[in-house]
PDB file of N, CA and C in Angstrom:
ATOM      1  N   MET A   1      12.018   0.407   6.498  1.00  0.00           N
ATOM      2  CA  MET A   1      11.416   1.688   6.215  1.00  0.00           C
ATOM      3  C   MET A   1      12.492   2.625   5.689  1.00  0.00           C
ATOM      4  N   VAL A   2      12.111   3.433   4.737  1.00  0.00           N
ATOM      5  CA  VAL A   2      13.011   4.438   4.196  1.00  0.00           C
ATOM      6  C   VAL A   2      12.258   5.754   4.157  1.00  0.00           C
ATOM      7  N   ASN A   3      12.809   6.759   4.829  1.00  0.00           N
ATOM      8  CA  ASN A   3      12.166   8.074   4.907  1.00  0.00           C
ATOM      9  C   ASN A   3      10.737   7.978   5.438  1.00  0.00           C
ATOM     10  N   GLY A   4      10.496   7.079   6.379  1.00  0.00           N
ATOM     11  CA  GLY A   4       9.176   6.926   6.991  1.00  0.00           C
ATOM     12  C   GLY A   4       8.210   6.080   6.188  1.00  0.00           C
ATOM     13  N   ASP A   5       8.610   5.601   5.012  1.00  0.00           N
ATOM     14  CA  ASP A   5       7.737   4.769   4.179  1.00  0.00           C
ATOM     15  C   ASP A   5       8.179   3.315   4.245  1.00  0.00           C
ATOM     16  N   LYS A   6       7.200   2.402   4.300  1.00  0.00           N
ATOM     17  CA  LYS A   6       7.516   0.976   4.303  1.00  0.00           C
ATOM     18  C   LYS A   6       8.053   0.559   2.947  1.00  0.00           C
ATOM     19  N   THR A   7       9.029  -0.335   2.970  1.00  0.00           N
ATOM     20  CA  THR A   7       9.553  -0.929   1.751  1.00  0.00           C
ATOM     21  C   THR A   7       9.325  -2.429   1.831  1.00  0.00           C
ATOM     22  N   SER A   8       9.564  -3.135   0.745  1.00  0.00           N
ATOM     23  CA  SER A   8       9.366  -4.586   0.769  1.00  0.00           C
ATOM     24  C   SER A   8      10.373  -5.223   1.726  1.00  0.00           C
ATOM     25  N   GLN A   9       9.921  -6.235   2.432  1.00  0.00           N
ATOM     26  CA  GLN A   9      10.759  -6.919   3.412  1.00  0.00           C
ATOM     27  C   GLN A   9      11.620  -7.958   2.703  1.00  0.00           C
ATOM     28  N   VAL A  10      12.885  -7.981   3.038  1.00  0.00           N
ATOM     29  CA  VAL A  10      13.813  -8.942   2.463  1.00  0.00           C
ATOM     30  C   VAL A  10      13.990 -10.085   3.450  1.00  0.00           C
ATOM     31  N   LYS A  11      13.778 -11.307   2.968  1.00  0.00           N
ATOM     32  CA  LYS A  11      14.000 -12.485   3.808  1.00  0.00           C
ATOM     33  C   LYS A  11      15.145 -13.286   3.213  1.00  0.00           C
ATOM     34  N   VAL A  12      16.107 -13.628   4.070  1.00  0.00           N
ATOM     35  CA  VAL A  12      17.285 -14.367   3.626  1.00  0.00           C
ATOM     36  C   VAL A  12      17.350 -15.668   4.408  1.00  0.00           C
ATOM     37  N   ALA A  13      17.410 -16.785   3.696  1.00  0.00           N
ATOM     38  CA  ALA A  13      17.535 -18.092   4.359  1.00  0.00           C
ATOM     39  C   ALA A  13      18.926 -18.193   4.975  1.00  0.00           C
ATOM     40  N   HIS A  14      18.998 -18.365   6.287  1.00  0.00           N
ATOM     41  CA  HIS A  14      20.296 -18.385   6.960  1.00  0.00           C
ATOM     42  C   HIS A  14      20.759 -19.784   7.312  1.00  0.00           C
ATOM     43  N   LYS A  15      19.884 -20.769   7.312  1.00  0.00           N
ATOM     44  CA  LYS A  15      20.225 -22.174   7.585  1.00  0.00           C
ATOM     45  C   LYS A  15      20.883 -22.376   8.942  1.00  0.00           C
ATOM     46  N   LEU A  16      20.562 -21.520   9.912  1.00  0.00           N
ATOM     47  CA  LEU A  16      21.097 -21.652  11.267  1.00  0.00           C
ATOM     48  C   LEU A  16      20.123 -22.457  12.112  1.00  0.00           C
ATOM     49  N   ASP A  17      20.626 -23.163  13.110  1.00  0.00           N
ATOM     50  CA  ASP A  17      19.791 -23.934  14.033  1.00  0.00           C
ATOM     51  C   ASP A  17      19.162 -22.969  15.029  1.00  0.00           C
ATOM     52  N   ARG A  18      17.859 -22.778  14.916  1.00  0.00           N
ATOM     53  CA  ARG A  18      17.168 -21.796  15.764  1.00  0.00           C
ATOM     54  C   ARG A  18      17.130 -22.197  17.236  1.00  0.00           C
ATOM     55  N   LYS A  19      17.464 -23.443  17.534  1.00  0.00           N
ATOM     56  CA  LYS A  19      17.460 -23.902  18.920  1.00  0.00           C
ATOM     57  C   LYS A  19      18.809 -23.668  19.603  1.00  0.00           C
ATOM     58  N   GLN A  20      19.796 -23.248  18.836  1.00  0.00           N
ATOM     59  CA  GLN A  20      21.135 -22.996  19.366  1.00  0.00           C
ATOM     60  C   GLN A  20      21.415 -21.494  19.355  1.00  0.00           C
ATOM     61  N   PRO A  21      22.303 -21.024  20.232  1.00  0.00           N
ATOM     62  CA  PRO A  21      22.683 -19.605  20.184  1.00  0.00           C
ATOM     63  C   PRO A  21      23.300 -19.266  18.824  1.00  0.00           C
ATOM     64  N   MET A  22      23.022 -18.062  18.340  1.00  0.00           N
ATOM     65  CA  MET A  22      23.542 -17.615  17.048  1.00  0.00           C
ATOM     66  C   MET A  22      24.331 -16.332  17.237  1.00  0.00           C
ATOM     67  N   SER A  23      25.375 -16.172  16.446  1.00  0.00           N
ATOM     68  CA  SER A  23      26.199 -14.965  16.499  1.00  0.00           C
ATOM     69  C   SER A  23      25.998 -14.174  15.217  1.00  0.00           C
ATOM     70  N   PHE A  24      25.661 -12.891  15.380  1.00  0.00           N
ATOM     71  CA  PHE A  24      25.453 -11.993  14.248  1.00  0.00           C
ATOM     72  C   PHE A  24      26.338 -10.771  14.406  1.00  0.00           C
ATOM     73  N   ALA A  25      26.703 -10.189  13.284  1.00  0.00           N
ATOM     74  CA  ALA A  25      27.449  -8.931  13.269  1.00  0.00           C
ATOM     75  C   ALA A  25      26.734  -7.994  12.310  1.00  0.00           C
ATOM     76  N   ILE A  26      26.554  -6.755  12.734  1.00  0.00           N
ATOM     77  CA  ILE A  26      25.969  -5.723  11.890  1.00  0.00           C
ATOM     78  C   ILE A  26      27.026  -4.639  11.736  1.00  0.00           C
ATOM     79  N   SER A  27      27.481  -4.459  10.516  1.00  0.00           N
ATOM     80  CA  SER A  27      28.498  -3.459  10.225  1.00  0.00           C
ATOM     81  C   SER A  27      27.840  -2.285   9.526  1.00  0.00           C
ATOM     82  N   ILE A  28      28.017  -1.095  10.084  1.00  0.00           N
ATOM     83  CA  ILE A  28      27.390   0.100   9.534  1.00  0.00           C
ATOM     84  C   ILE A  28      28.489   1.053   9.067  1.00  0.00           C
ATOM     85  N   ALA A  29      28.458   1.353   7.786  1.00  0.00           N
ATOM     86  CA  ALA A  29      29.395   2.295   7.178  1.00  0.00           C
ATOM     87  C   ALA A  29      28.591   3.507   6.715  1.00  0.00           C
ATOM     88  N   PRO A  30      29.245   4.596   6.327  1.00  0.00           N
ATOM     89  CA  PRO A  30      28.494   5.778   5.896  1.00  0.00           C
ATOM     90  C   PRO A  30      27.517   5.521   4.751  1.00  0.00           C
ATOM     91  N   ASN A  31      27.769   4.508   3.915  1.00  0.00           N
ATOM     92  CA  ASN A  31      26.870   4.260   2.793  1.00  0.00           C
ATOM     93  C   ASN A  31      26.412   2.808   2.673  1.00  0.00           C
ATOM     94  N   ALA A  32      26.595   1.992   3.718  1.00  0.00           N
ATOM     95  CA  ALA A  32      26.206   0.581   3.618  1.00  0.00           C
ATOM     96  C   ALA A  32      25.963  -0.042   4.995  1.00  0.00           C
ATOM     97  N   ILE A  33      25.110  -1.050   5.014  1.00  0.00           N
ATOM     98  CA  ILE A  33      24.867  -1.867   6.200  1.00  0.00           C
ATOM     99  C   ILE A  33      25.040  -3.318   5.775  1.00  0.00           C
ATOM    100  N   THR A  34      25.865  -4.064   6.498  1.00  0.00           N
ATOM    101  CA  THR A  34      26.108  -5.467   6.195  1.00  0.00           C
ATOM    102  C   THR A  34      25.749  -6.296   7.419  1.00  0.00           C
ATOM    103  N   VAL A  35      24.976  -7.358   7.192  1.00  0.00           N
ATOM    104  CA  VAL A  35      24.594  -8.274   8.265  1.00  0.00           C
ATOM    105  C   VAL A  35      25.260  -9.617   7.984  1.00  0.00           C
ATOM    106  N   SER A  36      26.008 -10.122   8.975  1.00  0.00           N
ATOM    107  CA  SER A  36      26.708 -11.392   8.837  1.00  0.00           C
ATOM    108  C   SER A  36      26.323 -12.315   9.983  1.00  0.00           C
ATOM    109  N   ALA A  37      26.465 -13.617   9.752  1.00  0.00           N
ATOM    110  CA  ALA A  37      26.220 -14.622  10.790  1.00  0.00           C
ATOM    111  C   ALA A  37      27.406 -15.573  10.822  1.00  0.00           C
ATOM    112  N   GLN A  38      27.670 -16.090  12.009  1.00  0.00           N
ATOM    113  CA  GLN A  38      28.767 -17.039  12.143  1.00  0.00           C
ATOM    114  C   GLN A  38      28.224 -18.434  11.876  1.00  0.00           C
ATOM    115  N   GLN A  39      28.813 -19.096  10.880  1.00  0.00           N
ATOM    116  CA  GLN A  39      28.405 -20.447  10.515  1.00  0.00           C
ATOM    117  C   GLN A  39      29.648 -21.320  10.447  1.00  0.00           C
ATOM    118  N   GLY A  40      29.703 -22.334  11.291  1.00  0.00           N
ATOM    119  CA  GLY A  40      30.842 -23.246  11.277  1.00  0.00           C
ATOM    120  C   GLY A  40      32.179 -22.562  11.502  1.00  0.00           C
ATOM    121  N   GLY A  41      32.201 -21.549  12.347  1.00  0.00           N
ATOM    122  CA  GLY A  41      33.440 -20.854  12.661  1.00  0.00           C
ATOM    123  C   GLY A  41      33.819 -19.763  11.675  1.00  0.00           C
ATOM    124  N   GLN A  42      33.039 -19.576  10.607  1.00  0.00           N
ATOM    125  CA  GLN A  42      33.306 -18.530   9.631  1.00  0.00           C
ATOM    126  C   GLN A  42      32.161 -17.539   9.601  1.00  0.00           C
ATOM    127  N   TRP A  43      32.466 -16.294   9.283  1.00  0.00           N
ATOM    128  CA  TRP A  43      31.438 -15.266   9.147  1.00  0.00           C
ATOM    129  C   TRP A  43      30.951 -15.257   7.710  1.00  0.00           C
ATOM    130  N   VAL A  44      29.632 -15.368   7.531  1.00  0.00           N
ATOM    131  CA  VAL A  44      29.004 -15.409   6.215  1.00  0.00           C
ATOM    132  C   VAL A  44      28.073 -14.197   6.094  1.00  0.00           C
ATOM    133  N   ILE A  45      28.185 -13.445   5.013  1.00  0.00           N
ATOM    134  CA  ILE A  45      27.326 -12.279   4.803  1.00  0.00           C
ATOM    135  C   ILE A  45      25.927 -12.746   4.422  1.00  0.00           C
ATOM    136  N   LEU A  46      24.929 -12.307   5.207  1.00  0.00           N
ATOM    137  CA  LEU A  46      23.532 -12.635   4.924  1.00  0.00           C
ATOM    138  C   LEU A  46      22.874 -11.572   4.056  1.00  0.00           C
ATOM    139  N   ASP A  47      23.228 -10.311   4.282  1.00  0.00           N
ATOM    140  CA  ASP A  47      22.607  -9.224   3.547  1.00  0.00           C
ATOM    141  C   ASP A  47      23.556  -8.036   3.504  1.00  0.00           C
ATOM    142  N   ASN A  48      23.574  -7.359   2.379  1.00  0.00           N
ATOM    143  CA  ASN A  48      24.401  -6.178   2.212  1.00  0.00           C
ATOM    144  C   ASN A  48      23.554  -5.130   1.513  1.00  0.00           C
ATOM    145  N   TRP A  49      23.326  -4.016   2.179  1.00  0.00           N
ATOM    146  CA  TRP A  49      22.489  -2.945   1.640  1.00  0.00           C
ATOM    147  C   TRP A  49      23.324  -1.693   1.543  1.00  0.00           C
ATOM    148  N   SER A  50      23.357  -1.111   0.334  1.00  0.00           N
ATOM    149  CA  SER A  50      24.137   0.111   0.165  1.00  0.00           C
ATOM    150  C   SER A  50      23.352   1.125  -0.654  1.00  0.00           C
ATOM    151  N   ILE A  51      23.726   2.388  -0.491  1.00  0.00           N
ATOM    152  CA  ILE A  51      23.087   3.475  -1.237  1.00  0.00           C
ATOM    153  C   ILE A  51      24.180   4.367  -1.799  1.00  0.00           C
ATOM    154  N   LEU A  52      23.815   5.182  -2.775  1.00  0.00           N
ATOM    155  CA  LEU A  52      24.786   6.103  -3.364  1.00  0.00           C
ATOM    156  C   LEU A  52      25.076   7.280  -2.446  1.00  0.00           C
ATOM    157  N   GLY A  53      24.108   7.671  -1.659  1.00  0.00           N
ATOM    158  CA  GLY A  53      24.283   8.807  -0.748  1.00  0.00           C
ATOM    159  C   GLY A  53      24.940   8.393   0.542  1.00  0.00           C
ATOM    160  N   SER A  54      24.412   8.901   1.650  1.00  0.00           N
ATOM    161  CA  SER A  54      24.989   8.631   2.961  1.00  0.00           C
ATOM    162  C   SER A  54      23.901   8.211   3.947  1.00  0.00           C
ATOM    163  N   LEU A  55      24.240   7.257   4.809  1.00  0.00           N
ATOM    164  CA  LEU A  55      23.345   6.796   5.876  1.00  0.00           C
ATOM    165  C   LEU A  55      23.649   7.481   7.199  1.00  0.00           C
ATOM    166  N   VAL A  56      24.572   8.421   7.201  1.00  0.00           N
ATOM    167  CA  VAL A  56      25.066   9.012   8.441  1.00  0.00           C
ATOM    168  C   VAL A  56      23.946   9.582   9.306  1.00  0.00           C
ATOM    169  N   HIS A  57      22.918  10.161   8.723  1.00  0.00           N
ATOM    170  CA  HIS A  57      21.859  10.790   9.500  1.00  0.00           C
ATOM    171  C   HIS A  57      20.633   9.895   9.667  1.00  0.00           C
ATOM    172  N   GLY A  58      20.739   8.636   9.297  1.00  0.00           N
ATOM    173  CA  GLY A  58      19.605   7.724   9.395  1.00  0.00           C
ATOM    174  C   GLY A  58      19.572   6.975  10.707  1.00  0.00           C
ATOM    175  N   LYS A  59      18.572   6.138  10.857  1.00  0.00           N
ATOM    176  CA  LYS A  59      18.404   5.301  12.047  1.00  0.00           C
ATOM    177  C   LYS A  59      18.166   3.871  11.579  1.00  0.00           C
ATOM    178  N   PHE A  60      18.441   2.928  12.453  1.00  0.00           N
ATOM    179  CA  PHE A  60      18.094   1.548  12.153  1.00  0.00           C
ATOM    180  C   PHE A  60      17.639   0.886  13.440  1.00  0.00           C
ATOM    181  N   GLY A  61      16.951  -0.234  13.289  1.00  0.00           N
ATOM    182  CA  GLY A  61      16.453  -0.950  14.464  1.00  0.00           C
ATOM    183  C   GLY A  61      16.209  -2.400  14.138  1.00  0.00           C
ATOM    184  N   PHE A  62      15.702  -3.133  15.111  1.00  0.00           N
ATOM    185  CA  PHE A  62      15.388  -4.544  14.951  1.00  0.00           C
ATOM    186  C   PHE A  62      13.872  -4.712  14.928  1.00  0.00           C
ATOM    187  N   HIS A  63      13.369  -5.457  13.979  1.00  0.00           N
ATOM    188  CA  HIS A  63      11.941  -5.759  13.914  1.00  0.00           C
ATOM    189  C   HIS A  63      11.756  -7.207  14.350  1.00  0.00           C
ATOM    190  N   ILE A  64      11.060  -7.413  15.456  1.00  0.00           N
ATOM    191  CA  ILE A  64      10.770  -8.748  15.977  1.00  0.00           C
ATOM    192  C   ILE A  64       9.273  -8.976  15.765  1.00  0.00           C
ATOM    193  N   PRO A  65       8.878  -9.828  14.813  1.00  0.00           N
ATOM    194  CA  PRO A  65       7.470  -9.981  14.471  1.00  0.00           C
ATOM    195  C   PRO A  65       6.630 -10.619  15.580  1.00  0.00           C
ATOM    196  N   ALA A  66       5.384 -10.186  15.652  1.00  0.00           N
ATOM    197  CA  ALA A  66       4.326 -10.772  16.501  1.00  0.00           C
ATOM    198  C   ALA A  66       4.802 -11.045  17.922  1.00  0.00           C
ATOM    199  N   SER A  67       4.643 -12.282  18.358  1.00  0.00           N
ATOM    200  CA  SER A  67       4.971 -12.642  19.741  1.00  0.00           C
ATOM    201  C   SER A  67       6.347 -13.292  19.857  1.00  0.00           C
ATOM    202  N   ASP A  68       7.172 -13.194  18.821  1.00  0.00           N
ATOM    203  CA  ASP A  68       8.523 -13.746  18.883  1.00  0.00           C
ATOM    204  C   ASP A  68       9.346 -12.988  19.910  1.00  0.00           C
ATOM    205  N   GLU A  69      10.386 -13.631  20.399  1.00  0.00           N
ATOM    206  CA  GLU A  69      11.280 -13.006  21.359  1.00  0.00           C
ATOM    207  C   GLU A  69      12.713 -13.194  20.896  1.00  0.00           C
ATOM    208  N   ILE A  70      13.571 -12.291  21.325  1.00  0.00           N
ATOM    209  CA  ILE A  70      14.993 -12.411  21.034  1.00  0.00           C
ATOM    210  C   ILE A  70      15.758 -11.996  22.281  1.00  0.00           C
ATOM    211  N   GLY A  71      16.809 -12.711  22.573  1.00  0.00           N
ATOM    212  CA  GLY A  71      17.666 -12.362  23.694  1.00  0.00           C
ATOM    213  C   GLY A  71      19.025 -11.940  23.176  1.00  0.00           C
ATOM    214  N   LEU A  72      19.563 -10.876  23.714  1.00  0.00           N
ATOM    215  CA  LEU A  72      20.880 -10.392  23.311  1.00  0.00           C
ATOM    216  C   LEU A  72      21.861 -10.589  24.448  1.00  0.00           C
ATOM    217  N   THR A  73      23.024 -11.118  24.114  1.00  0.00           N
ATOM    218  CA  THR A  73      24.118 -11.180  25.071  1.00  0.00           C
ATOM    219  C   THR A  73      25.350 -10.616  24.388  1.00  0.00           C
ATOM    220  N   ASP A  74      26.208 -10.044  25.152  1.00  0.00           N
ATOM    221  CA  ASP A  74      27.466  -9.521  24.651  1.00  0.00           C
ATOM    222  C   ASP A  74      27.253  -8.533  23.505  1.00  0.00           C
ATOM    223  N   PHE A  75      26.280  -7.639  23.665  1.00  0.00           N
ATOM    224  CA  PHE A  75      26.023  -6.600  22.660  1.00  0.00           C
ATOM    225  C   PHE A  75      27.086  -5.532  22.783  1.00  0.00           C
ATOM    226  N   ARG A  76      27.750  -5.227  21.674  1.00  0.00           N
ATOM    227  CA  ARG A  76      28.822  -4.227  21.694  1.00  0.00           C
ATOM    228  C   ARG A  76      28.637  -3.251  20.537  1.00  0.00           C
ATOM    229  N   LEU A  77      28.891  -2.016  20.799  1.00  0.00           N
ATOM    230  CA  LEU A  77      28.929  -0.983  19.779  1.00  0.00           C
ATOM    231  C   LEU A  77      30.349  -0.480  19.702  1.00  0.00           C
ATOM    232  N   ALA A  78      31.002  -0.778  18.586  1.00  0.00           N
ATOM    233  CA  ALA A  78      32.414  -0.435  18.463  1.00  0.00           C
ATOM    234  C   ALA A  78      32.648   0.377  17.198  1.00  0.00           C
ATOM    235  N   PRO A  79      33.178   1.591  17.320  1.00  0.00           N
ATOM    236  CA  PRO A  79      33.490   2.378  16.130  1.00  0.00           C
ATOM    237  C   PRO A  79      34.638   1.751  15.358  1.00  0.00           C
ATOM    238  N   ASN A  80      34.551   1.846  14.037  1.00  0.00           N
ATOM    239  CA  ASN A  80      35.632   1.300  13.188  1.00  0.00           C
ATOM    240  C   ASN A  80      36.729   2.324  13.026  1.00  0.00           C
TER     241      ASN A  80
END
């Protein structure tokens, strides 16, 4: 969603084993959000979203569709 309006959903094939624990990193900068996953000991960028302005006053969240579930362990919020 952007400014309260729905936008098209982006789906990225990650090729991760859904039956195994997965490690993700979300990096938030004033003008960009980058989502990475750990694959074979290396961090691979899955999605990179940037704007010309600033995201400083925006919000973000996780969308878990329908009856799916997600478990979080070792969640950390660390300023850069």
